[in-house]
Amino acid sequence: MRRNISSLFLNYAKLDRKRTTEGLLGLEEQIRATLEHELTQKFSPDLPQGASRRSSIRVATDLRCTFGALPLARDASIKDLSRSGVFIRTDAPLAVGSELWIRIPVPGRGTVEVAGVVAAHVGDEGSALRGMGVRFAPMGPDAMEAVDALYQSSIVQRFGVPTGGDGSHWGLD
């Protein structure tokens, strides 16, 4: 049976997290790299291999958030999410290099707060999609688990329940 995009993406996410927390064995790294290549080809076919600066693949989403640098706080929306950062849609992006915090509601878990650094701006004033790319700062295990849950939830919302049932088994077959 051919596996769907959601299954592939979730397996990639699981291996990518393990890579950053525990390290991967040779075969696991080969599988992760193959999944990353297949998914990148699917979502960014014109991107030359190795050209992405992101450490994990983004998934489109639409999450509410609050962000700021003390003492300011602004409401905004997250338009894409990866394990290493987000794109925040806002008409008032912070300067590149600014440190900030982001609060994101996580269903069933309350709110997660993560620190980050503005890495890039997108769009000019008045642009339909204006905002900033934010790279997450190192985070503790609870925040990492919450970000992973949002990432996996966004994958399922975007691509559907993984092949093989209710989504409770996302491991490698």
N, C-alpha and C. Protein backbone atom coordinates (compact mmCIF):
# COMPACT_ATOMS: atom_id res chain seq x y z
N MET A 1 0.85 -1.18 0.00
CA MET A 1 0.00 0.00 0.00
C MET A 1 0.90 1.25 0.00
N ARG A 2 0.58 2.20 -0.82
CA ARG A 2 1.35 3.44 -0.90
C ARG A 2 1.00 4.36 0.27
N ARG A 3 2.01 4.92 0.89
CA ARG A 3 1.80 5.78 2.05
C ARG A 3 1.48 7.19 1.60
N ASN A 4 0.61 7.85 2.34
CA ASN A 4 0.23 9.21 1.96
C ASN A 4 1.22 10.25 2.49
N ILE A 5 1.07 11.48 2.04
CA ILE A 5 1.98 12.56 2.43
C ILE A 5 2.00 12.75 3.94
N SER A 6 0.85 12.64 4.58
CA SER A 6 0.79 12.82 6.03
C SER A 6 1.67 11.78 6.73
N SER A 7 1.59 10.52 6.31
CA SER A 7 2.43 9.48 6.90
C SER A 7 3.90 9.78 6.73
N LEU A 8 4.27 10.16 5.50
CA LEU A 8 5.67 10.48 5.22
C LEU A 8 6.15 11.64 6.08
N PHE A 9 5.33 12.70 6.15
CA PHE A 9 5.70 13.91 6.88
C PHE A 9 5.84 13.62 8.38
N LEU A 10 4.91 12.85 8.92
CA LEU A 10 4.97 12.53 10.35
C LEU A 10 6.17 11.66 10.68
N ASN A 11 6.50 10.73 9.81
CA ASN A 11 7.70 9.92 10.03
C ASN A 11 8.95 10.78 9.95
N TYR A 12 8.97 11.72 9.00
CA TYR A 12 10.10 12.66 8.91
C TYR A 12 10.21 13.46 10.22
N ALA A 13 9.09 14.00 10.71
CA ALA A 13 9.11 14.82 11.93
C ALA A 13 9.64 14.03 13.12
N LYS A 14 9.22 12.78 13.22
CA LYS A 14 9.67 11.93 14.33
C LYS A 14 11.19 11.71 14.26
N LEU A 15 11.69 11.38 13.07
CA LEU A 15 13.12 11.15 12.92
C LEU A 15 13.92 12.44 13.08
N ASP A 16 13.38 13.55 12.59
CA ASP A 16 14.10 14.82 12.70
C ASP A 16 14.23 15.24 14.16
N ARG A 17 13.21 15.03 14.96
CA ARG A 17 13.29 15.35 16.39
C ARG A 17 14.32 14.43 17.06
N LYS A 18 14.27 13.14 16.73
CA LYS A 18 15.23 12.21 17.33
C LYS A 18 16.66 12.61 16.95
N ARG A 19 16.83 13.07 15.71
CA ARG A 19 18.16 13.49 15.25
C ARG A 19 18.72 14.59 16.14
N THR A 20 17.87 15.54 16.53
CA THR A 20 18.35 16.68 17.31
C THR A 20 18.44 16.40 18.80
N THR A 21 17.74 15.38 19.28
CA THR A 21 17.76 15.11 20.72
C THR A 21 18.64 13.93 21.11
N GLU A 22 18.65 12.86 20.29
CA GLU A 22 19.38 11.65 20.66
C GLU A 22 20.44 11.27 19.63
N GLY A 23 20.24 11.71 18.41
CA GLY A 23 21.09 11.25 17.31
C GLY A 23 20.45 10.05 16.63
N LEU A 24 20.80 9.82 15.38
CA LEU A 24 20.23 8.73 14.60
C LEU A 24 21.29 7.71 14.24
N LEU A 25 20.86 6.48 14.12
CA LEU A 25 21.73 5.44 13.60
C LEU A 25 21.83 5.63 12.09
N GLY A 26 22.78 4.98 11.45
CA GLY A 26 23.01 5.15 10.01
C GLY A 26 21.77 4.95 9.16
N LEU A 27 21.03 3.86 9.37
CA LEU A 27 19.84 3.59 8.58
C LEU A 27 18.75 4.64 8.84
N GLU A 28 18.59 5.02 10.11
CA GLU A 28 17.59 6.04 10.44
C GLU A 28 17.92 7.35 9.72
N GLU A 29 19.20 7.74 9.70
CA GLU A 29 19.59 8.98 9.02
C GLU A 29 19.33 8.88 7.52
N GLN A 30 19.56 7.73 6.94
CA GLN A 30 19.28 7.54 5.51
C GLN A 30 17.80 7.70 5.23
N ILE A 31 16.97 7.11 6.09
CA ILE A 31 15.51 7.21 5.92
C ILE A 31 15.08 8.67 6.08
N ARG A 32 15.60 9.36 7.12
CA ARG A 32 15.24 10.77 7.33
C ARG A 32 15.64 11.61 6.12
N ALA A 33 16.85 11.42 5.62
CA ALA A 33 17.32 12.19 4.46
C ALA A 33 16.48 11.91 3.22
N THR A 34 16.09 10.66 3.02
CA THR A 34 15.24 10.30 1.88
C THR A 34 13.87 10.96 2.00
N LEU A 35 13.28 10.90 3.20
CA LEU A 35 11.99 11.55 3.42
C LEU A 35 12.09 13.05 3.21
N GLU A 36 13.14 13.67 3.73
CA GLU A 36 13.33 15.11 3.55
C GLU A 36 13.43 15.45 2.06
N HIS A 37 14.19 14.66 1.31
CA HIS A 37 14.35 14.90 -0.12
C HIS A 37 13.00 14.77 -0.85
N GLU A 38 12.25 13.70 -0.55
CA GLU A 38 10.95 13.49 -1.20
C GLU A 38 9.97 14.62 -0.87
N LEU A 39 9.92 15.03 0.38
CA LEU A 39 8.99 16.08 0.79
C LEU A 39 9.41 17.43 0.21
N THR A 40 10.70 17.71 0.19
CA THR A 40 11.17 18.97 -0.40
C THR A 40 10.86 19.00 -1.89
N GLN A 41 11.03 17.88 -2.58
CA GLN A 41 10.70 17.82 -4.01
C GLN A 41 9.21 18.06 -4.22
N LYS A 42 8.39 17.54 -3.33
CA LYS A 42 6.93 17.70 -3.43
C LYS A 42 6.51 19.16 -3.22
N PHE A 43 7.09 19.83 -2.21
CA PHE A 43 6.64 21.16 -1.83
C PHE A 43 7.46 22.28 -2.43
N SER A 44 8.69 22.02 -2.81
CA SER A 44 9.57 23.06 -3.38
C SER A 44 10.36 22.45 -4.54
N PRO A 45 9.67 22.05 -5.63
CA PRO A 45 10.37 21.35 -6.71
C PRO A 45 11.43 22.20 -7.41
N ASP A 46 11.34 23.52 -7.35
CA ASP A 46 12.30 24.38 -8.02
C ASP A 46 13.50 24.74 -7.16
N LEU A 47 13.47 24.33 -5.90
CA LEU A 47 14.56 24.64 -4.98
C LEU A 47 15.72 23.68 -5.22
N PRO A 48 16.91 24.21 -5.56
CA PRO A 48 18.06 23.30 -5.75
C PRO A 48 18.36 22.54 -4.47
N GLN A 49 18.80 21.28 -4.63
CA GLN A 49 19.11 20.46 -3.47
C GLN A 49 20.15 21.15 -2.60
N GLY A 50 19.89 21.19 -1.29
CA GLY A 50 20.81 21.81 -0.34
C GLY A 50 20.66 23.32 -0.23
N ALA A 51 19.72 23.91 -0.97
CA ALA A 51 19.60 25.37 -0.97
C ALA A 51 18.81 25.92 0.22
N SER A 52 17.99 25.09 0.85
CA SER A 52 17.20 25.58 1.97
C SER A 52 18.10 25.83 3.18
N ARG A 53 17.86 26.96 3.86
CA ARG A 53 18.62 27.28 5.07
C ARG A 53 17.92 26.77 6.32
N ARG A 54 16.74 26.22 6.16
CA ARG A 54 15.98 25.76 7.33
C ARG A 54 16.48 24.39 7.76
N SER A 55 16.42 24.16 9.06
CA SER A 55 16.88 22.87 9.56
C SER A 55 15.76 21.84 9.60
N SER A 56 14.53 22.25 9.30
CA SER A 56 13.43 21.31 9.21
C SER A 56 12.40 21.84 8.23
N ILE A 57 11.63 20.95 7.64
CA ILE A 57 10.65 21.31 6.60
C ILE A 57 9.47 22.03 7.23
N ARG A 58 9.02 23.09 6.55
CA ARG A 58 7.87 23.85 7.03
C ARG A 58 6.56 23.20 6.59
N VAL A 59 5.52 23.43 7.38
CA VAL A 59 4.17 23.02 7.01
C VAL A 59 3.26 24.24 7.18
N ALA A 60 2.40 24.47 6.19
CA ALA A 60 1.46 25.59 6.26
C ALA A 60 0.49 25.36 7.41
N THR A 61 0.14 26.43 8.09
CA THR A 61 -0.79 26.35 9.20
C THR A 61 -1.48 27.69 9.35
N ASP A 62 -2.38 27.81 10.29
CA ASP A 62 -3.02 29.08 10.61
C ASP A 62 -3.31 29.07 12.10
N LEU A 63 -2.33 29.48 12.89
CA LEU A 63 -2.44 29.48 14.35
C LEU A 63 -2.40 30.91 14.87
N ARG A 64 -3.20 31.19 15.85
CA ARG A 64 -3.14 32.49 16.53
C ARG A 64 -1.94 32.48 17.47
N CYS A 65 -1.36 33.64 17.66
CA CYS A 65 -0.25 33.75 18.61
C CYS A 65 -0.18 35.17 19.12
N THR A 66 0.60 35.35 20.15
CA THR A 66 0.98 36.65 20.65
C THR A 66 2.49 36.66 20.63
N PHE A 67 3.09 37.77 20.20
CA PHE A 67 4.54 37.84 20.20
C PHE A 67 4.96 39.19 20.71
N GLY A 68 6.20 39.30 21.11
CA GLY A 68 6.69 40.59 21.54
C GLY A 68 8.10 40.55 22.06
N ALA A 69 8.58 41.72 22.23
CA ALA A 69 9.84 41.95 22.92
C ALA A 69 9.46 42.88 24.05
N LEU A 70 9.87 42.58 25.24
CA LEU A 70 9.41 43.36 26.39
C LEU A 70 9.55 44.85 26.15
N PRO A 71 8.56 45.66 26.49
CA PRO A 71 7.31 45.34 27.15
C PRO A 71 6.14 45.17 26.18
N LEU A 72 6.39 45.14 24.88
CA LEU A 72 5.32 45.09 23.89
C LEU A 72 4.77 43.68 23.70
N ALA A 73 3.49 43.61 23.38
CA ALA A 73 2.87 42.34 23.00
C ALA A 73 1.91 42.64 21.86
N ARG A 74 1.91 41.80 20.84
CA ARG A 74 1.04 41.99 19.67
C ARG A 74 0.38 40.67 19.32
N ASP A 75 -0.87 40.75 18.87
CA ASP A 75 -1.56 39.57 18.36
C ASP A 75 -1.22 39.41 16.89
N ALA A 76 -1.09 38.18 16.45
CA ALA A 76 -0.74 37.90 15.06
C ALA A 76 -1.16 36.48 14.72
N SER A 77 -0.76 36.02 13.54
CA SER A 77 -1.03 34.63 13.17
C SER A 77 0.23 34.00 12.59
N ILE A 78 0.37 32.73 12.86
CA ILE A 78 1.48 31.94 12.33
C ILE A 78 0.99 31.30 11.04
N LYS A 79 1.71 31.54 9.94
CA LYS A 79 1.29 31.03 8.64
C LYS A 79 2.04 29.78 8.21
N ASP A 80 3.21 29.54 8.77
CA ASP A 80 3.86 28.25 8.60
C ASP A 80 4.74 27.97 9.79
N LEU A 81 4.97 26.70 10.00
CA LEU A 81 5.63 26.23 11.21
C LEU A 81 6.58 25.10 10.84
N SER A 82 7.75 25.12 11.43
CA SER A 82 8.66 23.99 11.34
C SER A 82 9.10 23.69 12.77
N ARG A 83 9.91 22.68 12.93
CA ARG A 83 10.40 22.37 14.26
C ARG A 83 11.41 23.40 14.72
N SER A 84 11.91 24.22 13.80
CA SER A 84 12.96 25.17 14.16
C SER A 84 12.52 26.63 14.10
N GLY A 85 11.28 26.91 13.67
CA GLY A 85 10.84 28.29 13.60
C GLY A 85 9.46 28.43 12.99
N VAL A 86 9.06 29.71 12.82
CA VAL A 86 7.73 30.03 12.30
C VAL A 86 7.81 31.25 11.38
N PHE A 87 6.76 31.41 10.57
CA PHE A 87 6.56 32.67 9.86
C PHE A 87 5.35 33.31 10.51
N ILE A 88 5.53 34.52 11.04
CA ILE A 88 4.45 35.26 11.69
C ILE A 88 3.96 36.34 10.75
N ARG A 89 2.68 36.30 10.42
CA ARG A 89 2.04 37.32 9.58
C ARG A 89 1.73 38.51 10.46
N THR A 90 2.35 39.65 10.16
CA THR A 90 2.14 40.87 10.93
C THR A 90 2.48 42.07 10.07
N ASP A 91 1.75 43.15 10.26
CA ASP A 91 2.06 44.41 9.56
C ASP A 91 3.16 45.19 10.28
N ALA A 92 3.57 44.71 11.46
CA ALA A 92 4.59 45.41 12.23
C ALA A 92 5.70 44.44 12.65
N PRO A 93 6.47 43.93 11.69
CA PRO A 93 7.55 43.01 12.06
C PRO A 93 8.64 43.71 12.86
N LEU A 94 9.25 42.96 13.77
CA LEU A 94 10.37 43.48 14.53
C LEU A 94 11.62 43.46 13.64
N ALA A 95 12.61 44.21 14.02
CA ALA A 95 13.86 44.29 13.24
C ALA A 95 14.56 42.92 13.20
N VAL A 96 15.19 42.62 12.06
CA VAL A 96 15.98 41.40 11.95
C VAL A 96 17.02 41.40 13.07
N GLY A 97 17.16 40.27 13.73
CA GLY A 97 18.08 40.15 14.85
C GLY A 97 17.43 40.38 16.21
N SER A 98 16.20 40.90 16.22
CA SER A 98 15.50 41.14 17.49
C SER A 98 15.16 39.84 18.18
N GLU A 99 15.37 39.82 19.49
CA GLU A 99 14.94 38.68 20.29
C GLU A 99 13.50 38.93 20.70
N LEU A 100 12.70 37.87 20.74
CA LEU A 100 11.29 38.00 21.09
C LEU A 100 10.81 36.71 21.73
N TRP A 101 9.61 36.74 22.24
CA TRP A 101 8.93 35.56 22.73
C TRP A 101 7.66 35.40 21.92
N ILE A 102 7.20 34.17 21.84
CA ILE A 102 5.96 33.86 21.11
C ILE A 102 5.12 32.97 22.01
N ARG A 103 3.88 33.34 22.21
CA ARG A 103 2.93 32.51 22.97
C ARG A 103 1.93 31.93 21.97
N ILE A 104 1.79 30.60 22.01
CA ILE A 104 0.91 29.91 21.08
C ILE A 104 -0.02 29.00 21.88
N PRO A 105 -1.34 29.16 21.70
CA PRO A 105 -2.26 28.22 22.34
C PRO A 105 -2.08 26.82 21.74
N VAL A 106 -1.99 25.81 22.60
CA VAL A 106 -1.84 24.42 22.16
C VAL A 106 -3.05 23.66 22.69
N PRO A 107 -3.93 23.18 21.79
CA PRO A 107 -5.14 22.47 22.25
C PRO A 107 -4.79 21.34 23.23
N GLY A 108 -5.49 21.35 24.35
CA GLY A 108 -5.30 20.32 25.37
C GLY A 108 -4.06 20.51 26.23
N ARG A 109 -3.28 21.56 25.99
CA ARG A 109 -2.04 21.77 26.75
C ARG A 109 -1.90 23.18 27.29
N GLY A 110 -2.86 24.04 27.03
CA GLY A 110 -2.71 25.43 27.47
C GLY A 110 -1.95 26.25 26.44
N THR A 111 -0.96 26.97 26.91
CA THR A 111 -0.18 27.85 26.04
C THR A 111 1.29 27.52 26.18
N VAL A 112 1.99 27.50 25.05
CA VAL A 112 3.44 27.32 25.08
C VAL A 112 4.08 28.66 24.77
N GLU A 113 5.14 28.97 25.48
CA GLU A 113 5.90 30.19 25.20
C GLU A 113 7.30 29.79 24.80
N VAL A 114 7.73 30.27 23.63
CA VAL A 114 9.08 29.98 23.15
C VAL A 114 9.77 31.28 22.81
N ALA A 115 11.07 31.29 22.99
CA ALA A 115 11.89 32.45 22.62
C ALA A 115 12.39 32.25 21.20
N GLY A 116 12.69 33.36 20.54
CA GLY A 116 13.20 33.27 19.18
C GLY A 116 13.94 34.53 18.79
N VAL A 117 14.45 34.50 17.56
CA VAL A 117 15.16 35.63 16.98
C VAL A 117 14.60 35.86 15.58
N VAL A 118 14.31 37.12 15.25
CA VAL A 118 13.83 37.45 13.92
C VAL A 118 14.96 37.21 12.92
N ALA A 119 14.71 36.32 11.94
CA ALA A 119 15.73 35.94 10.97
C ALA A 119 15.56 36.65 9.64
N ALA A 120 14.31 37.04 9.30
CA ALA A 120 14.07 37.66 7.98
C ALA A 120 12.73 38.37 7.97
N HIS A 121 12.58 39.30 7.04
CA HIS A 121 11.31 39.97 6.76
C HIS A 121 10.80 39.50 5.42
N VAL A 122 9.47 39.48 5.27
CA VAL A 122 8.85 39.16 3.99
C VAL A 122 7.83 40.23 3.70
N GLY A 123 7.81 40.71 2.46
CA GLY A 123 6.80 41.68 2.03
C GLY A 123 7.10 43.09 2.46
N ASP A 124 6.63 44.03 1.65
CA ASP A 124 6.75 45.44 1.94
C ASP A 124 5.48 45.94 2.60
N GLU A 125 5.51 47.16 3.10
CA GLU A 125 4.33 47.76 3.70
C GLU A 125 3.19 47.71 2.69
N GLY A 126 2.04 47.24 3.12
CA GLY A 126 0.89 47.12 2.25
C GLY A 126 0.82 45.80 1.50
N SER A 127 1.84 44.98 1.61
CA SER A 127 1.87 43.68 0.95
C SER A 127 0.83 42.76 1.57
N ALA A 128 0.25 41.88 0.75
CA ALA A 128 -0.78 40.96 1.23
C ALA A 128 -0.24 39.98 2.27
N LEU A 129 1.01 39.58 2.13
CA LEU A 129 1.61 38.65 3.08
C LEU A 129 2.89 39.27 3.63
N ARG A 130 2.72 40.09 4.63
CA ARG A 130 3.86 40.75 5.27
C ARG A 130 4.09 40.12 6.61
N GLY A 131 5.36 39.96 6.97
CA GLY A 131 5.64 39.38 8.27
C GLY A 131 7.12 39.11 8.45
N MET A 132 7.40 38.16 9.34
CA MET A 132 8.79 37.88 9.69
C MET A 132 8.98 36.39 9.95
N GLY A 133 10.14 35.93 9.53
CA GLY A 133 10.56 34.58 9.85
C GLY A 133 11.28 34.61 11.18
N VAL A 134 10.94 33.70 12.07
CA VAL A 134 11.53 33.66 13.40
C VAL A 134 12.15 32.28 13.62
N ARG A 135 13.39 32.27 14.03
CA ARG A 135 14.10 31.03 14.37
C ARG A 135 13.97 30.83 15.88
N PHE A 136 13.50 29.65 16.29
CA PHE A 136 13.35 29.37 17.72
C PHE A 136 14.72 29.33 18.40
N ALA A 137 14.77 29.81 19.63
CA ALA A 137 15.94 29.64 20.48
C ALA A 137 15.87 28.23 21.08
N PRO A 138 16.96 27.73 21.64
CA PRO A 138 16.88 26.42 22.30
C PRO A 138 15.77 26.44 23.34
N MET A 139 15.05 25.32 23.43
CA MET A 139 13.91 25.26 24.35
C MET A 139 13.97 24.01 25.20
N GLY A 140 13.27 24.07 26.30
CA GLY A 140 13.21 22.93 27.21
C GLY A 140 12.33 21.81 26.66
N PRO A 141 12.37 20.65 27.32
CA PRO A 141 11.63 19.49 26.83
C PRO A 141 10.12 19.71 26.73
N ASP A 142 9.51 20.43 27.68
CA ASP A 142 8.07 20.65 27.63
C ASP A 142 7.68 21.52 26.44
N ALA A 143 8.44 22.59 26.21
CA ALA A 143 8.15 23.46 25.06
C ALA A 143 8.41 22.69 23.76
N MET A 144 9.47 21.90 23.72
CA MET A 144 9.79 21.11 22.52
C MET A 144 8.65 20.13 22.21
N GLU A 145 8.13 19.50 23.25
CA GLU A 145 7.02 18.55 23.07
C GLU A 145 5.78 19.28 22.55
N ALA A 146 5.50 20.47 23.07
CA ALA A 146 4.34 21.24 22.61
C ALA A 146 4.51 21.69 21.17
N VAL A 147 5.71 22.15 20.78
CA VAL A 147 5.96 22.55 19.40
C VAL A 147 5.82 21.34 18.48
N ASP A 148 6.34 20.19 18.90
CA ASP A 148 6.19 18.97 18.10
C ASP A 148 4.72 18.61 17.93
N ALA A 149 3.92 18.76 18.99
CA ALA A 149 2.48 18.47 18.90
C ALA A 149 1.80 19.40 17.90
N LEU A 150 2.16 20.70 17.94
CA LEU A 150 1.60 21.64 16.96
C LEU A 150 2.03 21.28 15.54
N TYR A 151 3.28 20.91 15.38
CA TYR A 151 3.82 20.54 14.07
C TYR A 151 3.07 19.33 13.52
N GLN A 152 2.93 18.30 14.35
CA GLN A 152 2.22 17.10 13.92
C GLN A 152 0.75 17.38 13.63
N SER A 153 0.12 18.18 14.47
CA SER A 153 -1.28 18.55 14.26
C SER A 153 -1.45 19.33 12.96
N SER A 154 -0.51 20.23 12.67
CA SER A 154 -0.57 21.00 11.42
C SER A 154 -0.40 20.10 10.21
N ILE A 155 0.47 19.09 10.32
CA ILE A 155 0.65 18.13 9.23
C ILE A 155 -0.65 17.39 8.95
N VAL A 156 -1.29 16.90 10.01
CA VAL A 156 -2.54 16.15 9.85
C VAL A 156 -3.64 17.05 9.30
N GLN A 157 -3.73 18.30 9.80
CA GLN A 157 -4.75 19.22 9.28
C GLN A 157 -4.53 19.53 7.81
N ARG A 158 -3.28 19.66 7.41
CA ARG A 158 -2.96 20.02 6.02
C ARG A 158 -3.08 18.84 5.07
N PHE A 159 -2.68 17.62 5.52
CA PHE A 159 -2.59 16.48 4.61
C PHE A 159 -3.49 15.31 4.96
N GLY A 160 -4.21 15.38 6.08
CA GLY A 160 -5.12 14.32 6.44
C GLY A 160 -4.50 13.31 7.39
N VAL A 161 -5.33 12.42 7.85
CA VAL A 161 -4.90 11.37 8.78
C VAL A 161 -3.98 10.42 8.03
N PRO A 162 -2.91 9.99 8.66
CA PRO A 162 -1.98 9.07 8.00
C PRO A 162 -2.65 7.79 7.52
N THR A 163 -2.11 7.21 6.48
CA THR A 163 -2.59 5.94 5.96
C THR A 163 -2.55 4.90 7.06
N GLY A 164 -3.57 4.09 7.11
CA GLY A 164 -3.54 2.99 8.06
C GLY A 164 -4.38 3.23 9.28
N GLY A 165 -5.26 4.23 9.25
CA GLY A 165 -6.20 4.32 10.36
C GLY A 165 -6.33 5.67 10.98
N ASP A 166 -6.34 5.67 12.31
CA ASP A 166 -6.75 6.83 13.08
C ASP A 166 -5.60 7.77 13.42
N GLY A 167 -4.39 7.46 12.96
CA GLY A 167 -3.28 8.35 13.26
C GLY A 167 -2.57 8.01 14.53
N SER A 168 -3.01 6.95 15.24
CA SER A 168 -2.36 6.62 16.50
C SER A 168 -1.01 5.94 16.29
N HIS A 169 -0.78 5.36 15.10
CA HIS A 169 0.52 4.73 14.81
C HIS A 169 1.22 5.52 13.73
N TRP A 170 2.22 6.30 14.13
CA TRP A 170 2.95 7.12 13.19
C TRP A 170 4.40 6.65 13.04
N GLY A 171 4.69 5.48 13.59
CA GLY A 171 6.06 4.98 13.53
C GLY A 171 6.40 4.45 12.14
N LEU A 172 7.67 4.15 11.95
CA LEU A 172 8.11 3.58 10.68
C LEU A 172 7.61 2.16 10.56
N ASP A 173 7.12 1.82 9.38
CA ASP A 173 6.62 0.46 9.14
C ASP A 173 7.75 -0.47 8.78
